[in-house]
């Protein structure tokens, strides 16, 4: 099953930031337990990494109000062999 990074930006306005967090709590989203938040560092985004069958399935776990601003990125891992092939192809 593919692994996806879900990134959800939100306003740096303190009230709006708290509203986004409240929205996650009220939605009962399982992502809340696995969320990484950048707010304390001034980066008003939340990130989640999880396995989903598809990009659409990953988007469906995002609360509806936040879906338009969410980025869904499929993550892959390259093997050492993959990296060597890319390096060799770049030299040609």
N, C-alpha and C. Protein backbone atom coordinates (compact mmCIF):
# COMPACT_ATOMS: atom_id res chain seq x y z
N UNK A 1 0.86 -1.17 0.00
CA UNK A 1 0.00 0.00 0.00
C UNK A 1 0.91 1.23 0.00
N UNK A 2 0.63 2.21 -0.84
CA UNK A 2 1.46 3.41 -0.91
C UNK A 2 1.41 4.24 0.38
N UNK A 3 2.48 4.94 0.63
CA UNK A 3 2.57 5.85 1.77
C UNK A 3 2.43 7.27 1.26
N UNK A 4 1.64 8.07 1.97
CA UNK A 4 1.40 9.45 1.57
C UNK A 4 1.74 10.42 2.70
N UNK A 5 2.25 11.57 2.30
CA UNK A 5 2.44 12.71 3.20
C UNK A 5 1.28 13.64 2.93
N UNK A 6 0.57 14.00 3.98
CA UNK A 6 -0.52 14.96 3.88
C UNK A 6 -0.04 16.23 4.58
N UNK A 7 -0.06 17.33 3.84
CA UNK A 7 0.36 18.62 4.40
C UNK A 7 -0.84 19.56 4.34
N UNK A 8 -1.15 20.16 5.50
CA UNK A 8 -2.30 21.06 5.57
C UNK A 8 -1.85 22.40 6.15
N UNK A 9 -1.76 23.43 5.31
CA UNK A 9 -1.40 24.75 5.83
C UNK A 9 -2.63 25.42 6.45
N UNK A 10 -2.38 26.32 7.37
CA UNK A 10 -3.46 27.11 7.94
C UNK A 10 -2.93 28.47 8.36
N UNK A 11 -3.84 29.35 8.69
CA UNK A 11 -3.49 30.74 9.00
C UNK A 11 -2.61 30.84 10.24
N UNK A 12 -1.73 31.84 10.22
CA UNK A 12 -0.90 32.09 11.40
C UNK A 12 -1.63 32.91 12.45
N UNK A 13 -2.82 33.38 12.11
CA UNK A 13 -3.66 34.08 13.08
C UNK A 13 -3.95 33.12 14.23
N UNK A 14 -3.67 33.54 15.46
CA UNK A 14 -3.80 32.67 16.63
C UNK A 14 -5.19 32.07 16.75
N UNK A 15 -6.21 32.88 16.54
CA UNK A 15 -7.58 32.38 16.64
C UNK A 15 -7.85 31.31 15.58
N UNK A 16 -7.47 31.61 14.34
CA UNK A 16 -7.72 30.66 13.25
C UNK A 16 -6.90 29.39 13.43
N UNK A 17 -5.67 29.52 13.93
CA UNK A 17 -4.83 28.35 14.19
C UNK A 17 -5.52 27.43 15.20
N UNK A 18 -6.04 28.01 16.26
CA UNK A 18 -6.74 27.21 17.28
C UNK A 18 -8.01 26.59 16.71
N UNK A 19 -8.68 27.30 15.80
CA UNK A 19 -9.89 26.77 15.19
C UNK A 19 -9.59 25.52 14.36
N UNK A 20 -8.45 25.53 13.66
CA UNK A 20 -8.06 24.36 12.87
C UNK A 20 -7.81 23.18 13.78
N UNK A 21 -7.10 23.41 14.86
CA UNK A 21 -6.84 22.32 15.81
C UNK A 21 -8.17 21.81 16.40
N UNK A 22 -9.06 22.74 16.74
CA UNK A 22 -10.37 22.37 17.27
C UNK A 22 -11.15 21.54 16.24
N UNK A 23 -11.05 21.92 14.97
CA UNK A 23 -11.73 21.19 13.90
C UNK A 23 -11.25 19.73 13.85
N UNK A 24 -9.95 19.52 14.01
CA UNK A 24 -9.43 18.15 14.03
C UNK A 24 -9.96 17.38 15.23
N UNK A 25 -10.00 18.02 16.38
CA UNK A 25 -10.50 17.36 17.58
C UNK A 25 -11.96 16.97 17.39
N UNK A 26 -12.76 17.90 16.88
CA UNK A 26 -14.19 17.65 16.72
C UNK A 26 -14.50 16.65 15.61
N UNK A 27 -13.63 16.57 14.62
CA UNK A 27 -13.89 15.66 13.51
C UNK A 27 -13.61 14.20 13.89
N UNK A 28 -12.88 14.02 14.97
CA UNK A 28 -12.54 12.67 15.40
C UNK A 28 -11.56 12.00 14.45
N UNK A 29 -10.89 12.80 13.65
CA UNK A 29 -9.96 12.26 12.67
C UNK A 29 -8.86 11.47 13.35
N UNK A 30 -8.59 10.25 12.85
CA UNK A 30 -7.51 9.44 13.41
C UNK A 30 -6.16 10.10 13.17
N UNK A 31 -6.13 11.05 12.24
CA UNK A 31 -4.87 11.72 11.95
C UNK A 31 -4.39 12.58 13.12
N UNK A 32 -5.33 13.04 13.91
CA UNK A 32 -4.97 13.91 15.04
C UNK A 32 -3.93 13.25 15.92
N UNK A 33 -4.06 11.96 16.15
CA UNK A 33 -3.12 11.24 17.02
C UNK A 33 -1.73 11.15 16.39
N UNK A 34 -1.66 11.27 15.07
CA UNK A 34 -0.39 11.14 14.37
C UNK A 34 0.10 12.45 13.76
N UNK A 35 -0.52 13.54 14.12
CA UNK A 35 -0.19 14.83 13.52
C UNK A 35 1.12 15.39 14.04
N UNK A 36 1.81 16.05 13.15
CA UNK A 36 2.99 16.85 13.50
C UNK A 36 2.62 18.28 13.14
N UNK A 37 2.78 19.18 14.09
CA UNK A 37 2.38 20.57 13.91
C UNK A 37 3.60 21.47 13.97
N UNK A 38 3.66 22.45 13.10
CA UNK A 38 4.79 23.38 13.07
C UNK A 38 4.50 24.72 13.72
N UNK A 39 3.34 24.87 14.31
CA UNK A 39 2.89 26.17 14.82
C UNK A 39 3.85 26.81 15.83
N UNK A 40 4.41 26.03 16.73
CA UNK A 40 5.31 26.59 17.74
C UNK A 40 6.56 27.17 17.12
N UNK A 41 6.90 26.72 15.92
CA UNK A 41 8.08 27.23 15.21
C UNK A 41 7.71 28.30 14.20
N UNK A 42 6.44 28.70 14.19
CA UNK A 42 6.00 29.72 13.25
C UNK A 42 5.65 29.20 11.86
N UNK A 43 5.64 27.89 11.69
CA UNK A 43 5.26 27.28 10.42
C UNK A 43 3.87 26.68 10.64
N UNK A 44 2.86 27.37 10.16
CA UNK A 44 1.48 26.98 10.46
C UNK A 44 0.98 25.97 9.44
N UNK A 45 1.44 24.75 9.68
CA UNK A 45 1.07 23.60 8.86
C UNK A 45 1.01 22.39 9.79
N UNK A 46 0.25 21.40 9.34
CA UNK A 46 0.29 20.10 10.01
C UNK A 46 0.65 19.06 8.96
N UNK A 47 1.31 18.00 9.41
CA UNK A 47 1.77 16.94 8.52
C UNK A 47 1.38 15.59 9.10
N UNK A 48 1.04 14.68 8.20
CA UNK A 48 0.71 13.32 8.56
C UNK A 48 1.34 12.40 7.53
N UNK A 49 1.84 11.29 7.97
CA UNK A 49 2.35 10.26 7.05
C UNK A 49 1.64 8.97 7.40
N UNK A 50 1.00 8.38 6.39
CA UNK A 50 0.27 7.14 6.63
C UNK A 50 0.10 6.39 5.31
N UNK A 51 -0.31 5.14 5.40
CA UNK A 51 -0.54 4.32 4.22
C UNK A 51 -2.01 4.41 3.81
N UNK A 52 -2.23 4.61 2.51
CA UNK A 52 -3.57 4.67 1.95
C UNK A 52 -3.57 3.95 0.62
N UNK A 53 -4.73 3.47 0.20
CA UNK A 53 -4.84 2.77 -1.08
C UNK A 53 -4.63 3.71 -2.27
N UNK A 54 -4.98 4.99 -2.07
CA UNK A 54 -4.88 5.95 -3.18
C UNK A 54 -4.77 7.37 -2.64
N UNK A 55 -4.45 8.29 -3.54
CA UNK A 55 -4.38 9.71 -3.18
C UNK A 55 -5.77 10.20 -2.76
N UNK A 56 -6.81 9.74 -3.44
CA UNK A 56 -8.18 10.13 -3.09
C UNK A 56 -8.55 9.66 -1.68
N UNK A 57 -8.14 8.45 -1.35
CA UNK A 57 -8.43 7.95 0.00
C UNK A 57 -7.72 8.79 1.05
N UNK A 58 -6.49 9.18 0.78
CA UNK A 58 -5.74 10.03 1.71
C UNK A 58 -6.44 11.36 1.90
N UNK A 59 -6.94 11.93 0.82
CA UNK A 59 -7.63 13.22 0.90
C UNK A 59 -8.92 13.12 1.72
N UNK A 60 -9.58 11.98 1.65
CA UNK A 60 -10.86 11.83 2.36
C UNK A 60 -10.71 11.86 3.88
N UNK A 61 -9.52 11.61 4.40
CA UNK A 61 -9.35 11.66 5.86
C UNK A 61 -9.14 13.08 6.36
N UNK A 62 -8.91 14.01 5.44
CA UNK A 62 -8.75 15.42 5.80
C UNK A 62 -10.14 16.01 6.01
N UNK A 63 -10.34 16.77 7.11
CA UNK A 63 -11.65 17.40 7.30
C UNK A 63 -12.05 18.20 6.05
N UNK A 64 -13.32 18.10 5.61
CA UNK A 64 -13.75 18.71 4.35
C UNK A 64 -13.37 20.18 4.18
N UNK A 65 -13.46 20.97 5.23
CA UNK A 65 -13.15 22.39 5.15
C UNK A 65 -11.70 22.65 4.75
N UNK A 66 -10.80 21.71 5.09
CA UNK A 66 -9.37 21.89 4.84
C UNK A 66 -8.88 21.22 3.55
N UNK A 67 -9.73 20.44 2.91
CA UNK A 67 -9.31 19.71 1.71
C UNK A 67 -8.78 20.59 0.58
N UNK A 68 -9.41 21.74 0.32
CA UNK A 68 -8.91 22.55 -0.81
C UNK A 68 -7.45 23.00 -0.65
N UNK A 69 -6.99 23.15 0.58
CA UNK A 69 -5.61 23.63 0.78
C UNK A 69 -4.62 22.50 1.06
N UNK A 70 -5.10 21.28 1.18
CA UNK A 70 -4.23 20.14 1.52
C UNK A 70 -3.41 19.70 0.32
N UNK A 71 -2.18 19.30 0.59
CA UNK A 71 -1.31 18.68 -0.41
C UNK A 71 -1.15 17.22 -0.05
N UNK A 72 -1.33 16.35 -1.04
CA UNK A 72 -1.19 14.92 -0.83
C UNK A 72 -0.03 14.46 -1.70
N UNK A 73 1.02 13.93 -1.08
CA UNK A 73 2.24 13.58 -1.80
C UNK A 73 2.56 12.10 -1.55
N UNK A 74 2.65 11.33 -2.63
CA UNK A 74 3.03 9.93 -2.48
C UNK A 74 4.53 9.85 -2.22
N UNK A 75 4.91 9.12 -1.19
CA UNK A 75 6.32 8.98 -0.83
C UNK A 75 6.82 7.61 -1.27
N UNK A 76 8.03 7.59 -1.79
CA UNK A 76 8.66 6.33 -2.16
C UNK A 76 10.07 6.32 -1.59
N UNK A 77 10.61 5.15 -1.45
CA UNK A 77 12.00 4.99 -1.01
C UNK A 77 12.79 4.41 -2.17
N UNK A 78 13.93 5.01 -2.43
CA UNK A 78 14.81 4.49 -3.46
C UNK A 78 15.79 3.53 -2.82
N UNK A 79 16.08 2.44 -3.52
CA UNK A 79 17.13 1.53 -3.07
C UNK A 79 18.47 2.11 -3.52
N UNK A 80 19.53 1.55 -3.01
CA UNK A 80 20.87 1.97 -3.42
C UNK A 80 21.04 1.76 -4.93
N UNK A 81 20.50 0.67 -5.42
CA UNK A 81 20.57 0.38 -6.85
C UNK A 81 19.82 1.44 -7.67
N UNK A 82 18.65 1.84 -7.20
CA UNK A 82 17.89 2.89 -7.88
C UNK A 82 18.70 4.18 -7.97
N UNK A 83 19.34 4.54 -6.87
CA UNK A 83 20.11 5.77 -6.82
C UNK A 83 21.30 5.69 -7.77
N UNK A 84 21.95 4.53 -7.82
CA UNK A 84 23.08 4.36 -8.75
C UNK A 84 22.61 4.47 -10.20
N UNK A 85 21.47 3.91 -10.51
CA UNK A 85 20.94 4.00 -11.88
C UNK A 85 20.66 5.46 -12.25
N UNK A 86 20.06 6.21 -11.33
CA UNK A 86 19.81 7.63 -11.61
C UNK A 86 21.10 8.41 -11.80
N UNK A 87 22.10 8.10 -10.97
CA UNK A 87 23.39 8.79 -11.08
C UNK A 87 24.06 8.47 -12.40
N UNK A 88 24.03 7.21 -12.80
CA UNK A 88 24.63 6.80 -14.08
C UNK A 88 23.89 7.42 -15.27
N UNK A 89 22.58 7.51 -15.19
CA UNK A 89 21.80 8.10 -16.27
C UNK A 89 22.09 9.59 -16.41
N UNK A 90 22.38 10.25 -15.29
CA UNK A 90 22.67 11.69 -15.32
C UNK A 90 23.99 11.98 -16.00
N UNK A 91 24.89 11.02 -16.01
CA UNK A 91 26.22 11.22 -16.61
C UNK A 91 26.25 11.00 -18.12
N UNK A 92 25.14 10.52 -18.68
CA UNK A 92 25.14 10.23 -20.12
C UNK A 92 24.61 11.38 -20.93
